[in-house]
Amino acid sequence: MGNIGVLEIILIVVIIVLLFGGKKIPGIAKALGDGIREIRKSTNPAGSDDAPESKKPDGNKKS
């Protein structure tokens, strides 16, 4: 019951096109992408990098 097949995906796409029209879908997708990007920015602490702590250079190392 939890598996979504190709037929169900096609049906969902057809319903979305009928509801919103073909011209509005790219704008909706862009707004959704921007929203997801803003959520990711707000959940990451300010100034953090994607690099893990162990990979960051340490200026206090002695040779």
PDB file of N, CA and C in Angstrom:
ATOM      1  N   MET A   1       0.813  -1.189   0.000  1.00  0.00           N
ATOM      2  CA  MET A   1       0.000   0.000   0.000  1.00  0.00           C
ATOM      3  C   MET A   1       0.861   1.259   0.000  1.00  0.00           C
ATOM      4  N   GLY A   2       2.104   1.214   0.464  1.00  0.00           N
ATOM      5  CA  GLY A   2       2.949   2.378   0.563  1.00  0.00           C
ATOM      6  C   GLY A   2       3.753   2.680  -0.696  1.00  0.00           C
ATOM      7  N   ASN A   3       3.738   1.775  -1.669  1.00  0.00           N
ATOM      8  CA  ASN A   3       4.527   1.984  -2.881  1.00  0.00           C
ATOM      9  C   ASN A   3       3.770   2.843  -3.875  1.00  0.00           C
ATOM     10  N   ILE A   4       4.460   3.845  -4.430  1.00  0.00           N
ATOM     11  CA  ILE A   4       3.863   4.699  -5.456  1.00  0.00           C
ATOM     12  C   ILE A   4       4.448   4.283  -6.792  1.00  0.00           C
ATOM     13  N   GLY A   5       3.596   3.936  -7.727  1.00  0.00           N
ATOM     14  CA  GLY A   5       4.034   3.507  -9.041  1.00  0.00           C
ATOM     15  C   GLY A   5       4.032   4.637 -10.049  1.00  0.00           C
ATOM     16  N   VAL A   6       4.395   4.283 -11.269  1.00  0.00           N
ATOM     17  CA  VAL A   6       4.476   5.260 -12.345  1.00  0.00           C
ATOM     18  C   VAL A   6       3.091   5.827 -12.658  1.00  0.00           C
ATOM     19  N   LEU A   7       2.074   4.995 -12.647  1.00  0.00           N
ATOM     20  CA  LEU A   7       0.724   5.442 -12.957  1.00  0.00           C
ATOM     21  C   LEU A   7       0.238   6.479 -11.939  1.00  0.00           C
ATOM     22  N   GLU A   8       0.540   6.273 -10.689  1.00  0.00           N
ATOM     23  CA  GLU A   8       0.124   7.230  -9.659  1.00  0.00           C
ATOM     24  C   GLU A   8       0.840   8.567  -9.810  1.00  0.00           C
ATOM     25  N   ILE A   9       2.129   8.514 -10.150  1.00  0.00           N
ATOM     26  CA  ILE A   9       2.890   9.749 -10.346  1.00  0.00           C
ATOM     27  C   ILE A   9       2.337  10.521 -11.541  1.00  0.00           C
ATOM     28  N   ILE A  10       2.028   9.836 -12.627  1.00  0.00           N
ATOM     29  CA  ILE A  10       1.452  10.490 -13.803  1.00  0.00           C
ATOM     30  C   ILE A  10       0.112  11.119 -13.455  1.00  0.00           C
ATOM     31  N   LEU A  11      -0.703  10.428 -12.700  1.00  0.00           N
ATOM     32  CA  LEU A  11      -2.002  10.958 -12.286  1.00  0.00           C
ATOM     33  C   LEU A  11      -1.842  12.219 -11.442  1.00  0.00           C
ATOM     34  N   ILE A  12      -0.887  12.226 -10.527  1.00  0.00           N
ATOM     35  CA  ILE A  12      -0.629  13.405  -9.692  1.00  0.00           C
ATOM     36  C   ILE A  12      -0.168  14.575 -10.553  1.00  0.00           C
ATOM     37  N   VAL A  13       0.724  14.340 -11.499  1.00  0.00           N
ATOM     38  CA  VAL A  13       1.206  15.407 -12.385  1.00  0.00           C
ATOM     39  C   VAL A  13       0.058  15.979 -13.212  1.00  0.00           C
ATOM     40  N   VAL A  14      -0.810  15.129 -13.733  1.00  0.00           N
ATOM     41  CA  VAL A  14      -1.953  15.596 -14.527  1.00  0.00           C
ATOM     42  C   VAL A  14      -2.872  16.458 -13.675  1.00  0.00           C
ATOM     43  N   ILE A  15      -3.135  16.053 -12.459  1.00  0.00           N
ATOM     44  CA  ILE A  15      -3.997  16.836 -11.569  1.00  0.00           C
ATOM     45  C   ILE A  15      -3.364  18.194 -11.266  1.00  0.00           C
ATOM     46  N   ILE A  16      -2.064  18.226 -11.019  1.00  0.00           N
ATOM     47  CA  ILE A  16      -1.376  19.493 -10.756  1.00  0.00           C
ATOM     48  C   ILE A  16      -1.456  20.412 -11.964  1.00  0.00           C
ATOM     49  N   VAL A  17      -1.252  19.869 -13.158  1.00  0.00           N
ATOM     50  CA  VAL A  17      -1.337  20.689 -14.377  1.00  0.00           C
ATOM     51  C   VAL A  17      -2.749  21.225 -14.560  1.00  0.00           C
ATOM     52  N   LEU A  18      -3.758  20.414 -14.276  1.00  0.00           N
ATOM     53  CA  LEU A  18      -5.139  20.881 -14.406  1.00  0.00           C
ATOM     54  C   LEU A  18      -5.470  21.966 -13.385  1.00  0.00           C
ATOM     55  N   LEU A  19      -4.950  21.840 -12.172  1.00  0.00           N
ATOM     56  CA  LEU A  19      -5.247  22.820 -11.129  1.00  0.00           C
ATOM     57  C   LEU A  19      -4.544  24.156 -11.358  1.00  0.00           C
ATOM     58  N   PHE A  20      -3.260  24.125 -11.680  1.00  0.00           N
ATOM     59  CA  PHE A  20      -2.464  25.343 -11.739  1.00  0.00           C
ATOM     60  C   PHE A  20      -2.197  25.843 -13.148  1.00  0.00           C
ATOM     61  N   GLY A  21      -2.289  25.015 -14.132  1.00  0.00           N
ATOM     62  CA  GLY A  21      -1.963  25.416 -15.499  1.00  0.00           C
ATOM     63  C   GLY A  21      -0.479  25.256 -15.763  1.00  0.00           C
ATOM     64  N   GLY A  22      -0.139  25.081 -17.015  1.00  0.00           N
ATOM     65  CA  GLY A  22       1.247  24.827 -17.398  1.00  0.00           C
ATOM     66  C   GLY A  22       2.173  26.010 -17.204  1.00  0.00           C
ATOM     67  N   LYS A  23       1.650  27.229 -17.252  1.00  0.00           N
ATOM     68  CA  LYS A  23       2.503  28.414 -17.157  1.00  0.00           C
ATOM     69  C   LYS A  23       2.886  28.750 -15.728  1.00  0.00           C
ATOM     70  N   LYS A  24       2.112  28.337 -14.760  1.00  0.00           N
ATOM     71  CA  LYS A  24       2.399  28.685 -13.361  1.00  0.00           C
ATOM     72  C   LYS A  24       3.300  27.669 -12.665  1.00  0.00           C
ATOM     73  N   ILE A  25       3.429  26.476 -13.190  1.00  0.00           N
ATOM     74  CA  ILE A  25       4.193  25.415 -12.526  1.00  0.00           C
ATOM     75  C   ILE A  25       5.668  25.778 -12.345  1.00  0.00           C
ATOM     76  N   PRO A  26       6.376  26.355 -13.347  1.00  0.00           N
ATOM     77  CA  PRO A  26       7.785  26.732 -13.103  1.00  0.00           C
ATOM     78  C   PRO A  26       7.939  27.759 -11.981  1.00  0.00           C
ATOM     79  N   GLY A  27       7.026  28.706 -11.887  1.00  0.00           N
ATOM     80  CA  GLY A  27       7.090  29.692 -10.808  1.00  0.00           C
ATOM     81  C   GLY A  27       6.873  29.058  -9.448  1.00  0.00           C
ATOM     82  N   ILE A  28       5.951  28.122  -9.382  1.00  0.00           N
ATOM     83  CA  ILE A  28       5.688  27.410  -8.123  1.00  0.00           C
ATOM     84  C   ILE A  28       6.912  26.591  -7.721  1.00  0.00           C
ATOM     85  N   ALA A  29       7.531  25.915  -8.691  1.00  0.00           N
ATOM     86  CA  ALA A  29       8.722  25.109  -8.404  1.00  0.00           C
ATOM     87  C   ALA A  29       9.876  25.989  -7.927  1.00  0.00           C
ATOM     88  N   LYS A  30      10.049  27.171  -8.539  1.00  0.00           N
ATOM     89  CA  LYS A  30      11.117  28.085  -8.122  1.00  0.00           C
ATOM     90  C   LYS A  30      10.866  28.584  -6.707  1.00  0.00           C
ATOM     91  N   ALA A  31       9.631  28.943  -6.400  1.00  0.00           N
ATOM     92  CA  ALA A  31       9.306  29.418  -5.053  1.00  0.00           C
ATOM     93  C   ALA A  31       9.534  28.316  -4.019  1.00  0.00           C
ATOM     94  N   LEU A  32       9.184  27.087  -4.360  1.00  0.00           N
ATOM     95  CA  LEU A  32       9.408  25.962  -3.455  1.00  0.00           C
ATOM     96  C   LEU A  32      10.905  25.744  -3.224  1.00  0.00           C
ATOM     97  N   GLY A  33      11.702  25.815  -4.278  1.00  0.00           N
ATOM     98  CA  GLY A  33      13.150  25.665  -4.150  1.00  0.00           C
ATOM     99  C   GLY A  33      13.765  26.765  -3.309  1.00  0.00           C
ATOM    100  N   ASP A  34      13.313  28.006  -3.512  1.00  0.00           N
ATOM    101  CA  ASP A  34      13.812  29.124  -2.706  1.00  0.00           C
ATOM    102  C   ASP A  34      13.454  28.937  -1.236  1.00  0.00           C
ATOM    103  N   GLY A  35      12.265  28.450  -0.973  1.00  0.00           N
ATOM    104  CA  GLY A  35      11.847  28.216   0.404  1.00  0.00           C
ATOM    105  C   GLY A  35      12.687  27.155   1.083  1.00  0.00           C
ATOM    106  N   ILE A  36      12.969  26.081   0.377  1.00  0.00           N
ATOM    107  CA  ILE A  36      13.804  25.011   0.931  1.00  0.00           C
ATOM    108  C   ILE A  36      15.217  25.534   1.193  1.00  0.00           C
ATOM    109  N   ARG A  37      15.743  26.356   0.280  1.00  0.00           N
ATOM    110  CA  ARG A  37      17.074  26.928   0.448  1.00  0.00           C
ATOM    111  C   ARG A  37      17.126  27.832   1.681  1.00  0.00           C
ATOM    112  N   GLU A  38      16.098  28.630   1.897  1.00  0.00           N
ATOM    113  CA  GLU A  38      16.046  29.506   3.068  1.00  0.00           C
ATOM    114  C   GLU A  38      15.971  28.696   4.366  1.00  0.00           C
ATOM    115  N   ILE A  39      15.228  27.608   4.356  1.00  0.00           N
ATOM    116  CA  ILE A  39      15.140  26.748   5.540  1.00  0.00           C
ATOM    117  C   ILE A  39      16.499  26.144   5.854  1.00  0.00           C
ATOM    118  N   ARG A  40      17.213  25.684   4.836  1.00  0.00           N
ATOM    119  CA  ARG A  40      18.546  25.112   5.062  1.00  0.00           C
ATOM    120  C   ARG A  40      19.507  26.156   5.607  1.00  0.00           C
ATOM    121  N   LYS A  41      19.425  27.394   5.089  1.00  0.00           N
ATOM    122  CA  LYS A  41      20.297  28.458   5.586  1.00  0.00           C
ATOM    123  C   LYS A  41      20.008  28.776   7.041  1.00  0.00           C
ATOM    124  N   SER A  42      18.740  28.785   7.404  1.00  0.00           N
ATOM    125  CA  SER A  42      18.380  29.163   8.771  1.00  0.00           C
ATOM    126  C   SER A  42      18.666  28.050   9.778  1.00  0.00           C
ATOM    127  N   THR A  43      18.715  26.803   9.350  1.00  0.00           N
ATOM    128  CA  THR A  43      18.992  25.713  10.277  1.00  0.00           C
ATOM    129  C   THR A  43      20.480  25.532  10.517  1.00  0.00           C
ATOM    130  N   ASN A  44      21.332  25.980   9.587  1.00  0.00           N
ATOM    131  CA  ASN A  44      22.785  25.896   9.792  1.00  0.00           C
ATOM    132  C   ASN A  44      23.224  27.063  10.660  1.00  0.00           C
ATOM    133  N   PRO A  45      24.131  26.817  11.621  1.00  0.00           N
ATOM    134  CA  PRO A  45      24.629  27.920  12.443  1.00  0.00           C
ATOM    135  C   PRO A  45      25.384  28.939  11.586  1.00  0.00           C
ATOM    136  N   ALA A  46      25.347  30.188  11.983  1.00  0.00           N
ATOM    137  CA  ALA A  46      25.999  31.252  11.222  1.00  0.00           C
ATOM    138  C   ALA A  46      27.500  31.028  11.168  1.00  0.00           C
ATOM    139  N   GLY A  47      28.052  31.163   9.958  1.00  0.00           N
ATOM    140  CA  GLY A  47      29.498  31.040   9.795  1.00  0.00           C
ATOM    141  C   GLY A  47      30.003  29.624   9.699  1.00  0.00           C
ATOM    142  N   SER A  48      29.139  28.630   9.686  1.00  0.00           N
ATOM    143  CA  SER A  48      29.621  27.253   9.614  1.00  0.00           C
ATOM    144  C   SER A  48      29.899  26.868   8.169  1.00  0.00           C
ATOM    145  N   ASP A  49      30.825  25.965   7.986  1.00  0.00           N
ATOM    146  CA  ASP A  49      31.160  25.457   6.668  1.00  0.00           C
ATOM    147  C   ASP A  49      30.604  24.055   6.524  1.00  0.00           C
ATOM    148  N   ASP A  50      30.673  23.553   5.296  1.00  0.00           N
ATOM    149  CA  ASP A  50      30.263  22.173   5.063  1.00  0.00           C
ATOM    150  C   ASP A  50      31.384  21.203   5.429  1.00  0.00           C
ATOM    151  N   ALA A  51      32.600  21.712   5.589  1.00  0.00           N
ATOM    152  CA  ALA A  51      33.736  20.857   5.906  1.00  0.00           C
ATOM    153  C   ALA A  51      33.666  20.412   7.363  1.00  0.00           C
ATOM    154  N   PRO A  52      33.959  19.135   7.622  1.00  0.00           N
ATOM    155  CA  PRO A  52      33.967  18.673   9.018  1.00  0.00           C
ATOM    156  C   PRO A  52      35.114  19.306   9.794  1.00  0.00           C
ATOM    157  N   GLU A  53      35.000  19.294  11.118  1.00  0.00           N
ATOM    158  CA  GLU A  53      35.989  19.917  11.986  1.00  0.00           C
ATOM    159  C   GLU A  53      37.384  19.322  11.791  1.00  0.00           C
ATOM    160  N   SER A  54      37.485  18.020  11.572  1.00  0.00           N
ATOM    161  CA  SER A  54      38.784  17.366  11.452  1.00  0.00           C
ATOM    162  C   SER A  54      39.515  17.783  10.178  1.00  0.00           C
ATOM    163  N   LYS A  55      38.804  18.266   9.174  1.00  0.00           N
ATOM    164  CA  LYS A  55      39.415  18.649   7.900  1.00  0.00           C
ATOM    165  C   LYS A  55      39.851  20.111   7.878  1.00  0.00           C
ATOM    166  N   LYS A  56      39.411  20.917   8.835  1.00  0.00           N
ATOM    167  CA  LYS A  56      39.766  22.328   8.846  1.00  0.00           C
ATOM    168  C   LYS A  56      41.231  22.495   9.242  1.00  0.00           C
ATOM    169  N   PRO A  57      41.924  23.442   8.618  1.00  0.00           N
ATOM    170  CA  PRO A  57      43.335  23.653   8.978  1.00  0.00           C
ATOM    171  C   PRO A  57      43.459  24.223  10.381  1.00  0.00           C
ATOM    172  N   ASP A  58      44.500  23.783  11.080  1.00  0.00           N
ATOM    173  CA  ASP A  58      44.739  24.244  12.443  1.00  0.00           C
ATOM    174  C   ASP A  58      46.014  25.075  12.440  1.00  0.00           C
ATOM    175  N   GLY A  59      45.903  26.354  12.749  1.00  0.00           N
ATOM    176  CA  GLY A  59      47.060  27.254  12.720  1.00  0.00           C
ATOM    177  C   GLY A  59      47.961  27.089  13.911  1.00  0.00           C
ATOM    178  N   ASN A  60      47.585  26.322  14.940  1.00  0.00           N
ATOM    179  CA  ASN A  60      48.382  26.173  16.151  1.00  0.00           C
ATOM    180  C   ASN A  60      49.288  24.951  16.152  1.00  0.00           C
ATOM    181  N   LYS A  61      49.346  24.233  15.038  1.00  0.00           N
ATOM    182  CA  LYS A  61      50.194  23.033  14.974  1.00  0.00           C
ATOM    183  C   LYS A  61      51.663  23.417  14.930  1.00  0.00           C
ATOM    184  N   LYS A  62      52.508  22.636  15.612  1.00  0.00           N
ATOM    185  CA  LYS A  62      53.960  22.850  15.571  1.00  0.00           C
ATOM    186  C   LYS A  62      54.575  21.789  14.704  1.00  0.00           C
ATOM    187  N   SER A  63      55.572  22.174  13.885  1.00  0.00           N
ATOM    188  CA  SER A  63      56.215  21.237  12.967  1.00  0.00           C
ATOM    189  C   SER A  63      57.249  20.402  13.660  1.00  0.00           C
TER     190      SER A  63
END
